[in-house]
Amino acid sequence: MKASIPISLILFFLFSSCEKKYDIDDISSFELNYNIGSGWPSYFYLLQLNETGELDIQSKRPFSESIRHSVYSINNPDLLQLKPYLVDLLNSDINEKYGVGPDKATDLAVTTLSIKTNKKQIDTYIYQPNESELPESLNRIIGELSNLKVKYDTLFNF
């Protein structure tokens, strides 16, 4: 009886500390939201992508009153290239916030990245970061999203 308690504790800690690592097959559905914006001079860029390849982009230029809205259907190779980056990000230990984030409303530019899959959800806030502070998996996702933005939404540039 006395020996079973330490063994039970060891097994408990062993299994409770094991973190599930995801792979491509684990992501049967996902929704990705990438938003860049600021309260002043009131601009934003919102990119939303789901597993069917629908890319929804909304944007508002600085000092403008009009909002542009476009929907694209991205091709399969672009979608397949993004999935391993999503898996890497899901498996990484990312912080909720990067850079110096204020505790209250601000006009600083902020980038938010939200990923929802059938297995996990990640929400990250990036306040004018030094890129070296960001984990590689987050840099890769943001880079790939920037590539999609340029490829499909060439009409709008900040």
N, C-alpha and C. Protein backbone atom coordinates (compact mmCIF):
# COMPACT_ATOMS: atom_id res chain seq x y z
N MET A 1 0.82 -1.19 0.00
CA MET A 1 0.00 0.00 0.00
C MET A 1 0.87 1.26 0.00
N LYS A 2 1.92 1.29 0.87
CA LYS A 2 2.77 2.46 0.95
C LYS A 2 3.53 2.69 -0.36
N ALA A 3 3.92 1.63 -1.03
CA ALA A 3 4.66 1.75 -2.29
C ALA A 3 3.75 2.19 -3.42
N SER A 4 2.49 1.90 -3.35
CA SER A 4 1.58 2.25 -4.44
C SER A 4 1.29 3.75 -4.49
N ILE A 5 1.39 4.46 -3.38
CA ILE A 5 1.13 5.91 -3.37
C ILE A 5 2.20 6.65 -4.16
N PRO A 6 3.51 6.42 -3.89
CA PRO A 6 4.53 7.12 -4.70
C PRO A 6 4.46 6.75 -6.18
N ILE A 7 4.20 5.49 -6.45
CA ILE A 7 4.09 5.06 -7.85
C ILE A 7 2.92 5.76 -8.52
N SER A 8 1.81 5.86 -7.82
CA SER A 8 0.63 6.55 -8.35
C SER A 8 0.92 8.02 -8.61
N LEU A 9 1.62 8.67 -7.68
CA LEU A 9 1.98 10.07 -7.86
C LEU A 9 2.91 10.27 -9.06
N ILE A 10 3.89 9.39 -9.20
CA ILE A 10 4.81 9.48 -10.33
C ILE A 10 4.06 9.32 -11.65
N LEU A 11 3.18 8.33 -11.71
CA LEU A 11 2.38 8.12 -12.93
C LEU A 11 1.48 9.31 -13.21
N PHE A 12 0.88 9.86 -12.17
CA PHE A 12 0.01 11.02 -12.35
C PHE A 12 0.78 12.18 -12.96
N PHE A 13 1.96 12.51 -12.39
CA PHE A 13 2.75 13.62 -12.91
C PHE A 13 3.28 13.35 -14.31
N LEU A 14 3.63 12.11 -14.56
CA LEU A 14 4.11 11.73 -15.89
C LEU A 14 3.05 11.97 -16.95
N PHE A 15 1.84 11.50 -16.71
CA PHE A 15 0.78 11.61 -17.70
C PHE A 15 0.16 12.99 -17.74
N SER A 16 0.14 13.69 -16.63
CA SER A 16 -0.46 15.02 -16.65
C SER A 16 0.47 16.04 -17.30
N SER A 17 1.77 15.79 -17.31
CA SER A 17 2.70 16.73 -17.93
C SER A 17 2.87 16.48 -19.42
N CYS A 18 2.37 15.39 -19.94
CA CYS A 18 2.47 15.11 -21.36
C CYS A 18 1.49 16.00 -22.11
N GLU A 19 2.03 16.78 -23.01
CA GLU A 19 1.18 17.67 -23.79
C GLU A 19 0.90 17.04 -25.15
N LYS A 20 -0.32 17.16 -25.59
CA LYS A 20 -0.71 16.60 -26.88
C LYS A 20 -0.05 17.40 -27.98
N LYS A 21 0.65 16.72 -28.85
CA LYS A 21 1.21 17.36 -30.03
C LYS A 21 0.27 17.08 -31.20
N TYR A 22 -0.05 18.12 -31.91
CA TYR A 22 -1.01 18.01 -33.01
C TYR A 22 -0.29 17.76 -34.31
N ASP A 23 -0.97 17.14 -35.25
CA ASP A 23 -0.44 17.00 -36.59
C ASP A 23 -1.50 17.43 -37.59
N ILE A 24 -1.16 17.38 -38.86
CA ILE A 24 -2.05 17.88 -39.91
C ILE A 24 -3.42 17.21 -39.85
N ASP A 25 -3.46 15.92 -39.58
CA ASP A 25 -4.73 15.20 -39.55
C ASP A 25 -5.64 15.66 -38.41
N ASP A 26 -5.05 16.27 -37.39
CA ASP A 26 -5.85 16.76 -36.27
C ASP A 26 -6.65 18.01 -36.62
N ILE A 27 -6.26 18.70 -37.66
CA ILE A 27 -6.95 19.95 -38.02
C ILE A 27 -7.93 19.66 -39.15
N SER A 28 -9.13 19.27 -38.76
CA SER A 28 -10.15 19.05 -39.79
C SER A 28 -10.89 20.34 -40.09
N SER A 29 -10.85 21.29 -39.17
CA SER A 29 -11.45 22.59 -39.43
C SER A 29 -10.63 23.66 -38.73
N PHE A 30 -10.57 24.85 -39.33
CA PHE A 30 -9.90 25.96 -38.68
C PHE A 30 -10.48 27.27 -39.19
N GLU A 31 -10.33 28.27 -38.37
CA GLU A 31 -10.67 29.64 -38.75
C GLU A 31 -9.53 30.50 -38.25
N LEU A 32 -9.03 31.35 -39.10
CA LEU A 32 -7.90 32.18 -38.77
C LEU A 32 -8.29 33.64 -38.95
N ASN A 33 -8.06 34.46 -37.95
CA ASN A 33 -8.34 35.90 -38.02
C ASN A 33 -7.05 36.66 -37.75
N TYR A 34 -6.70 37.55 -38.67
CA TYR A 34 -5.48 38.33 -38.57
C TYR A 34 -5.88 39.79 -38.71
N ASN A 35 -5.66 40.58 -37.68
CA ASN A 35 -6.15 41.94 -37.65
C ASN A 35 -5.02 42.89 -37.29
N ILE A 36 -4.87 43.96 -38.06
CA ILE A 36 -3.92 45.02 -37.76
C ILE A 36 -4.73 46.30 -37.67
N GLY A 37 -4.57 47.03 -36.60
CA GLY A 37 -5.35 48.25 -36.49
C GLY A 37 -4.87 49.19 -35.42
N SER A 38 -5.45 50.39 -35.43
CA SER A 38 -5.12 51.41 -34.45
C SER A 38 -6.33 52.30 -34.27
N GLY A 39 -6.47 52.84 -33.07
CA GLY A 39 -7.56 53.78 -32.81
C GLY A 39 -7.33 55.12 -33.49
N TRP A 40 -6.07 55.51 -33.64
CA TRP A 40 -5.75 56.75 -34.32
C TRP A 40 -4.59 56.50 -35.26
N PRO A 41 -4.66 56.78 -36.48
CA PRO A 41 -5.69 57.55 -37.17
C PRO A 41 -6.85 56.69 -37.67
N SER A 42 -7.23 55.71 -36.92
CA SER A 42 -8.40 54.89 -37.21
C SER A 42 -8.27 54.13 -38.53
N TYR A 43 -7.44 53.12 -38.51
CA TYR A 43 -7.32 52.25 -39.67
C TYR A 43 -7.34 50.80 -39.19
N PHE A 44 -7.67 49.90 -40.10
CA PHE A 44 -7.57 48.49 -39.76
C PHE A 44 -7.45 47.66 -41.04
N TYR A 45 -6.97 46.46 -40.84
CA TYR A 45 -6.88 45.48 -41.92
C TYR A 45 -7.23 44.15 -41.29
N LEU A 46 -8.29 43.53 -41.75
CA LEU A 46 -8.75 42.27 -41.17
C LEU A 46 -8.76 41.20 -42.25
N LEU A 47 -8.06 40.12 -41.98
CA LEU A 47 -8.01 38.98 -42.89
C LEU A 47 -8.59 37.77 -42.16
N GLN A 48 -9.59 37.13 -42.75
CA GLN A 48 -10.19 35.93 -42.17
C GLN A 48 -10.10 34.81 -43.20
N LEU A 49 -9.67 33.64 -42.74
CA LEU A 49 -9.49 32.50 -43.62
C LEU A 49 -10.05 31.27 -42.93
N ASN A 50 -10.75 30.41 -43.71
CA ASN A 50 -11.21 29.14 -43.13
C ASN A 50 -10.70 27.97 -43.97
N GLU A 51 -11.00 26.76 -43.51
CA GLU A 51 -10.44 25.55 -44.13
C GLU A 51 -10.94 25.30 -45.55
N THR A 52 -12.02 25.96 -45.95
CA THR A 52 -12.51 25.78 -47.32
C THR A 52 -11.74 26.66 -48.31
N GLY A 53 -10.88 27.54 -47.79
CA GLY A 53 -10.11 28.41 -48.66
C GLY A 53 -10.76 29.75 -48.91
N GLU A 54 -11.82 30.07 -48.17
CA GLU A 54 -12.46 31.38 -48.32
C GLU A 54 -11.65 32.42 -47.55
N LEU A 55 -11.20 33.42 -48.26
CA LEU A 55 -10.40 34.49 -47.70
C LEU A 55 -11.22 35.77 -47.74
N ASP A 56 -11.58 36.28 -46.57
CA ASP A 56 -12.41 37.48 -46.45
C ASP A 56 -11.51 38.60 -45.93
N ILE A 57 -11.44 39.69 -46.68
CA ILE A 57 -10.56 40.79 -46.32
C ILE A 57 -11.37 42.08 -46.22
N GLN A 58 -11.21 42.76 -45.09
CA GLN A 58 -11.84 44.06 -44.90
C GLN A 58 -10.73 45.04 -44.52
N SER A 59 -10.80 46.25 -45.03
CA SER A 59 -9.75 47.20 -44.73
C SER A 59 -10.29 48.63 -44.76
N LYS A 60 -9.65 49.46 -43.97
CA LYS A 60 -9.97 50.87 -43.92
C LYS A 60 -8.66 51.63 -43.84
N ARG A 61 -8.44 52.53 -44.78
CA ARG A 61 -7.22 53.32 -44.81
C ARG A 61 -7.21 54.36 -43.69
N PRO A 62 -6.01 54.79 -43.29
CA PRO A 62 -5.94 55.86 -42.29
C PRO A 62 -6.68 57.11 -42.77
N PHE A 63 -7.41 57.73 -41.89
CA PHE A 63 -8.15 58.97 -42.14
C PHE A 63 -9.28 58.82 -43.16
N SER A 64 -9.61 57.62 -43.55
CA SER A 64 -10.67 57.39 -44.53
C SER A 64 -11.96 56.98 -43.81
N GLU A 65 -13.07 57.27 -44.43
CA GLU A 65 -14.36 56.86 -43.87
C GLU A 65 -14.87 55.57 -44.51
N SER A 66 -14.32 55.23 -45.68
CA SER A 66 -14.84 54.07 -46.40
C SER A 66 -14.11 52.78 -46.02
N ILE A 67 -14.86 51.70 -46.02
CA ILE A 67 -14.33 50.37 -45.72
C ILE A 67 -14.44 49.54 -46.99
N ARG A 68 -13.34 48.90 -47.35
CA ARG A 68 -13.33 48.03 -48.53
C ARG A 68 -13.47 46.59 -48.06
N HIS A 69 -14.29 45.84 -48.75
CA HIS A 69 -14.55 44.45 -48.37
C HIS A 69 -14.42 43.58 -49.62
N SER A 70 -13.60 42.52 -49.54
CA SER A 70 -13.39 41.61 -50.66
C SER A 70 -13.37 40.18 -50.15
N VAL A 71 -13.88 39.27 -50.96
CA VAL A 71 -13.84 37.85 -50.63
C VAL A 71 -13.17 37.12 -51.79
N TYR A 72 -12.20 36.28 -51.46
CA TYR A 72 -11.46 35.52 -52.46
C TYR A 72 -11.55 34.04 -52.13
N SER A 73 -11.30 33.23 -53.12
CA SER A 73 -11.19 31.79 -52.91
C SER A 73 -9.73 31.44 -53.20
N ILE A 74 -8.98 31.10 -52.15
CA ILE A 74 -7.56 30.86 -52.38
C ILE A 74 -7.35 29.45 -52.92
N ASN A 75 -6.29 29.27 -53.66
CA ASN A 75 -6.07 27.97 -54.30
C ASN A 75 -5.52 26.96 -53.30
N ASN A 76 -5.70 25.70 -53.62
CA ASN A 76 -5.35 24.61 -52.72
C ASN A 76 -3.87 24.58 -52.31
N PRO A 77 -2.92 24.79 -53.22
CA PRO A 77 -1.51 24.78 -52.78
C PRO A 77 -1.22 25.82 -51.69
N ASP A 78 -1.83 27.00 -51.79
CA ASP A 78 -1.63 28.02 -50.76
C ASP A 78 -2.21 27.56 -49.42
N LEU A 79 -3.34 26.91 -49.47
CA LEU A 79 -3.98 26.41 -48.25
C LEU A 79 -3.15 25.28 -47.64
N LEU A 80 -2.65 24.37 -48.48
CA LEU A 80 -1.84 23.26 -47.99
C LEU A 80 -0.51 23.74 -47.41
N GLN A 81 0.03 24.81 -47.95
CA GLN A 81 1.28 25.36 -47.45
C GLN A 81 1.08 25.97 -46.06
N LEU A 82 -0.09 26.51 -45.79
CA LEU A 82 -0.37 27.17 -44.53
C LEU A 82 -0.59 26.17 -43.38
N LYS A 83 -1.17 25.01 -43.68
CA LYS A 83 -1.53 24.06 -42.62
C LYS A 83 -0.36 23.61 -41.73
N PRO A 84 0.81 23.28 -42.28
CA PRO A 84 1.92 22.91 -41.37
C PRO A 84 2.31 24.05 -40.42
N TYR A 85 2.20 25.30 -40.89
CA TYR A 85 2.50 26.44 -40.03
C TYR A 85 1.48 26.55 -38.90
N LEU A 86 0.22 26.25 -39.22
CA LEU A 86 -0.81 26.24 -38.17
C LEU A 86 -0.51 25.18 -37.13
N VAL A 87 -0.11 24.01 -37.58
CA VAL A 87 0.22 22.91 -36.66
C VAL A 87 1.41 23.30 -35.78
N ASP A 88 2.46 23.90 -36.38
CA ASP A 88 3.61 24.34 -35.59
C ASP A 88 3.19 25.35 -34.52
N LEU A 89 2.31 26.27 -34.90
CA LEU A 89 1.87 27.28 -33.95
C LEU A 89 1.03 26.66 -32.84
N LEU A 90 0.17 25.70 -33.19
CA LEU A 90 -0.64 25.02 -32.17
C LEU A 90 0.24 24.26 -31.19
N ASN A 91 1.35 23.72 -31.66
CA ASN A 91 2.24 22.94 -30.81
C ASN A 91 3.24 23.80 -30.04
N SER A 92 3.32 25.08 -30.35
CA SER A 92 4.30 25.93 -29.68
C SER A 92 3.72 26.51 -28.39
N ASP A 93 4.61 26.99 -27.56
CA ASP A 93 4.20 27.70 -26.35
C ASP A 93 4.28 29.19 -26.65
N ILE A 94 3.16 29.79 -26.99
CA ILE A 94 3.18 31.23 -27.29
C ILE A 94 2.57 31.99 -26.13
N ASN A 95 3.01 33.22 -25.98
CA ASN A 95 2.45 34.10 -24.97
C ASN A 95 1.17 34.72 -25.50
N GLU A 96 0.39 35.25 -24.60
CA GLU A 96 -0.83 35.96 -25.01
C GLU A 96 -0.48 37.32 -25.59
N LYS A 97 0.59 37.96 -25.05
CA LYS A 97 0.95 39.31 -25.48
C LYS A 97 2.43 39.39 -25.80
N TYR A 98 2.76 40.19 -26.81
CA TYR A 98 4.15 40.46 -27.19
C TYR A 98 4.32 41.96 -27.31
N GLY A 99 5.49 42.45 -26.96
CA GLY A 99 5.73 43.88 -26.97
C GLY A 99 5.18 44.50 -25.70
N VAL A 100 5.25 45.81 -25.63
CA VAL A 100 4.75 46.51 -24.45
C VAL A 100 3.30 46.86 -24.69
N GLY A 101 2.44 46.13 -24.04
CA GLY A 101 1.00 46.35 -24.21
C GLY A 101 0.44 47.20 -23.09
N PRO A 102 -0.32 48.20 -23.43
CA PRO A 102 -0.92 49.05 -22.41
C PRO A 102 -2.05 48.33 -21.68
N ASP A 103 -2.34 48.78 -20.48
CA ASP A 103 -3.42 48.19 -19.70
C ASP A 103 -4.77 48.80 -20.02
N LYS A 104 -4.78 49.88 -20.79
CA LYS A 104 -6.05 50.50 -21.14
C LYS A 104 -6.04 50.89 -22.61
N ALA A 105 -7.11 51.51 -23.06
CA ALA A 105 -7.26 51.86 -24.47
C ALA A 105 -6.08 52.70 -24.95
N THR A 106 -5.68 52.46 -26.18
CA THR A 106 -4.52 53.15 -26.73
C THR A 106 -4.69 53.37 -28.22
N ASP A 107 -3.88 54.26 -28.75
CA ASP A 107 -3.86 54.48 -30.19
C ASP A 107 -2.69 53.76 -30.85
N LEU A 108 -1.90 53.02 -30.05
CA LEU A 108 -0.80 52.25 -30.62
C LEU A 108 -1.33 51.20 -31.59
N ALA A 109 -0.55 50.95 -32.63
CA ALA A 109 -0.93 49.88 -33.56
C ALA A 109 -0.84 48.55 -32.84
N VAL A 110 -1.80 47.70 -33.08
CA VAL A 110 -1.79 46.37 -32.47
C VAL A 110 -2.15 45.35 -33.54
N THR A 111 -1.48 44.22 -33.50
CA THR A 111 -1.79 43.11 -34.39
C THR A 111 -2.36 41.99 -33.53
N THR A 112 -3.47 41.44 -33.94
CA THR A 112 -4.03 40.30 -33.22
C THR A 112 -4.10 39.11 -34.18
N LEU A 113 -3.85 37.96 -33.63
CA LEU A 113 -3.93 36.73 -34.40
C LEU A 113 -4.75 35.75 -33.58
N SER A 114 -5.82 35.28 -34.17
CA SER A 114 -6.69 34.32 -33.49
C SER A 114 -6.84 33.11 -34.40
N ILE A 115 -6.57 31.93 -33.85
CA ILE A 115 -6.72 30.69 -34.60
C ILE A 115 -7.62 29.76 -33.81
N LYS A 116 -8.68 29.33 -34.45
CA LYS A 116 -9.60 28.37 -33.84
C LYS A 116 -9.56 27.11 -34.68
N THR A 117 -9.26 25.98 -34.07
CA THR A 117 -9.36 24.71 -34.77
C THR A 117 -10.31 23.83 -34.00
N ASN A 118 -10.56 22.65 -34.53
CA ASN A 118 -11.41 21.71 -33.81
C ASN A 118 -10.71 21.16 -32.57
N LYS A 119 -9.43 21.46 -32.38
CA LYS A 119 -8.66 20.94 -31.24
C LYS A 119 -8.23 22.00 -30.23
N LYS A 120 -8.02 23.25 -30.68
CA LYS A 120 -7.42 24.24 -29.79
C LYS A 120 -7.72 25.64 -30.30
N GLN A 121 -7.66 26.62 -29.40
CA GLN A 121 -7.80 28.02 -29.79
C GLN A 121 -6.62 28.82 -29.25
N ILE A 122 -6.10 29.72 -30.09
CA ILE A 122 -4.98 30.58 -29.71
C ILE A 122 -5.37 32.02 -30.00
N ASP A 123 -5.15 32.91 -29.06
CA ASP A 123 -5.36 34.34 -29.25
C ASP A 123 -4.09 35.07 -28.82
N THR A 124 -3.51 35.85 -29.71
CA THR A 124 -2.25 36.54 -29.44
C THR A 124 -2.39 38.02 -29.80
N TYR A 125 -1.80 38.87 -28.98
CA TYR A 125 -1.82 40.32 -29.20
C TYR A 125 -0.38 40.79 -29.32
N ILE A 126 -0.08 41.53 -30.38
CA ILE A 126 1.29 41.95 -30.65
C ILE A 126 1.32 43.48 -30.74
N TYR A 127 2.01 44.13 -29.80
CA TYR A 127 2.09 45.58 -29.77
C TYR A 127 3.44 46.02 -30.31
N GLN A 128 3.49 46.52 -31.53
CA GLN A 128 4.70 47.01 -32.19
C GLN A 128 5.93 46.22 -31.73
N PRO A 129 5.99 44.95 -32.09
CA PRO A 129 7.02 44.09 -31.50
C PRO A 129 8.38 44.22 -32.17
N ASN A 130 9.36 43.80 -31.44
CA ASN A 130 10.67 43.53 -32.03
C ASN A 130 10.55 42.09 -32.55
N GLU A 131 10.79 41.87 -33.83
CA GLU A 131 10.57 40.54 -34.40
C GLU A 131 11.37 39.45 -33.69
N SER A 132 12.50 39.81 -33.11
CA SER A 132 13.31 38.81 -32.42
C SER A 132 12.62 38.31 -31.14
N GLU A 133 11.62 39.05 -30.65
CA GLU A 133 10.89 38.63 -29.46
C GLU A 133 9.83 37.58 -29.77
N LEU A 134 9.47 37.47 -31.03
CA LEU A 134 8.39 36.56 -31.42
C LEU A 134 8.93 35.16 -31.67
N PRO A 135 8.19 34.13 -31.28
CA PRO A 135 8.65 32.77 -31.59
C PRO A 135 8.61 32.52 -33.10
N GLU A 136 9.46 31.64 -33.56
CA GLU A 136 9.57 31.35 -34.99
C GLU A 136 8.24 30.91 -35.59
N SER A 137 7.47 30.10 -34.86
CA SER A 137 6.19 29.62 -35.40
C SER A 137 5.22 30.78 -35.64
N LEU A 138 5.24 31.79 -34.79
CA LEU A 138 4.38 32.95 -34.96
C LEU A 138 4.86 33.80 -36.13
N ASN A 139 6.18 33.97 -36.25
CA ASN A 139 6.75 34.71 -37.39
C ASN A 139 6.38 34.05 -38.72
N ARG A 140 6.44 32.71 -38.77
CA ARG A 140 6.12 32.01 -40.02
C ARG A 140 4.66 32.21 -40.41
N ILE A 141 3.75 32.11 -39.44
CA ILE A 141 2.32 32.31 -39.73
C ILE A 141 2.08 33.73 -40.24
N ILE A 142 2.64 34.72 -39.56
CA ILE A 142 2.45 36.12 -39.97
C ILE A 142 3.05 36.35 -41.35
N GLY A 143 4.21 35.76 -41.62
CA GLY A 143 4.82 35.88 -42.94
C GLY A 143 3.95 35.27 -44.03
N GLU A 144 3.40 34.09 -43.75
CA GLU A 144 2.54 33.43 -44.74
C GLU A 144 1.26 34.22 -44.98
N LEU A 145 0.71 34.79 -43.92
CA LEU A 145 -0.48 35.62 -44.07
C LEU A 145 -0.18 36.89 -44.87
N SER A 146 0.99 37.46 -44.65
CA SER A 146 1.40 38.63 -45.43
C SER A 146 1.54 38.26 -46.90
N ASN A 147 2.06 37.07 -47.18
CA ASN A 147 2.16 36.61 -48.57
C ASN A 147 0.79 36.46 -49.21
N LEU A 148 -0.17 35.90 -48.46
CA LEU A 148 -1.54 35.75 -48.97
C LEU A 148 -2.15 37.12 -49.23
N LYS A 149 -1.92 38.05 -48.32
CA LYS A 149 -2.45 39.41 -48.47
C LYS A 149 -1.95 40.04 -49.76
N VAL A 150 -0.65 39.91 -50.00
CA VAL A 150 -0.07 40.50 -51.21
C VAL A 150 -0.58 39.79 -52.46
N LYS A 151 -0.63 38.47 -52.42
CA LYS A 151 -1.03 37.70 -53.60
C LYS A 151 -2.48 37.93 -54.00
N TYR A 152 -3.37 37.96 -53.02
CA TYR A 152 -4.80 38.02 -53.34
C TYR A 152 -5.39 39.41 -53.22
N ASP A 153 -4.79 40.26 -52.46
CA ASP A 153 -5.40 41.56 -52.21
C ASP A 153 -4.45 42.70 -52.58
N THR A 154 -4.08 42.74 -53.86
CA THR A 154 -3.10 43.71 -54.32
C THR A 154 -3.68 45.12 -54.46
N LEU A 155 -5.00 45.25 -54.34
CA LEU A 155 -5.62 46.55 -54.53
C LEU A 155 -5.42 47.49 -53.34
N PHE A 156 -5.10 46.94 -52.19
CA PHE A 156 -5.02 47.79 -51.00
C PHE A 156 -3.67 47.64 -50.33
N ASN A 157 -2.95 48.71 -50.22
CA ASN A 157 -1.65 48.70 -49.53
C ASN A 157 -1.59 49.86 -48.56
N PHE A 158 -1.03 49.61 -47.39
CA PHE A 158 -0.81 50.70 -46.42
C PHE A 158 0.48 51.38 -46.76
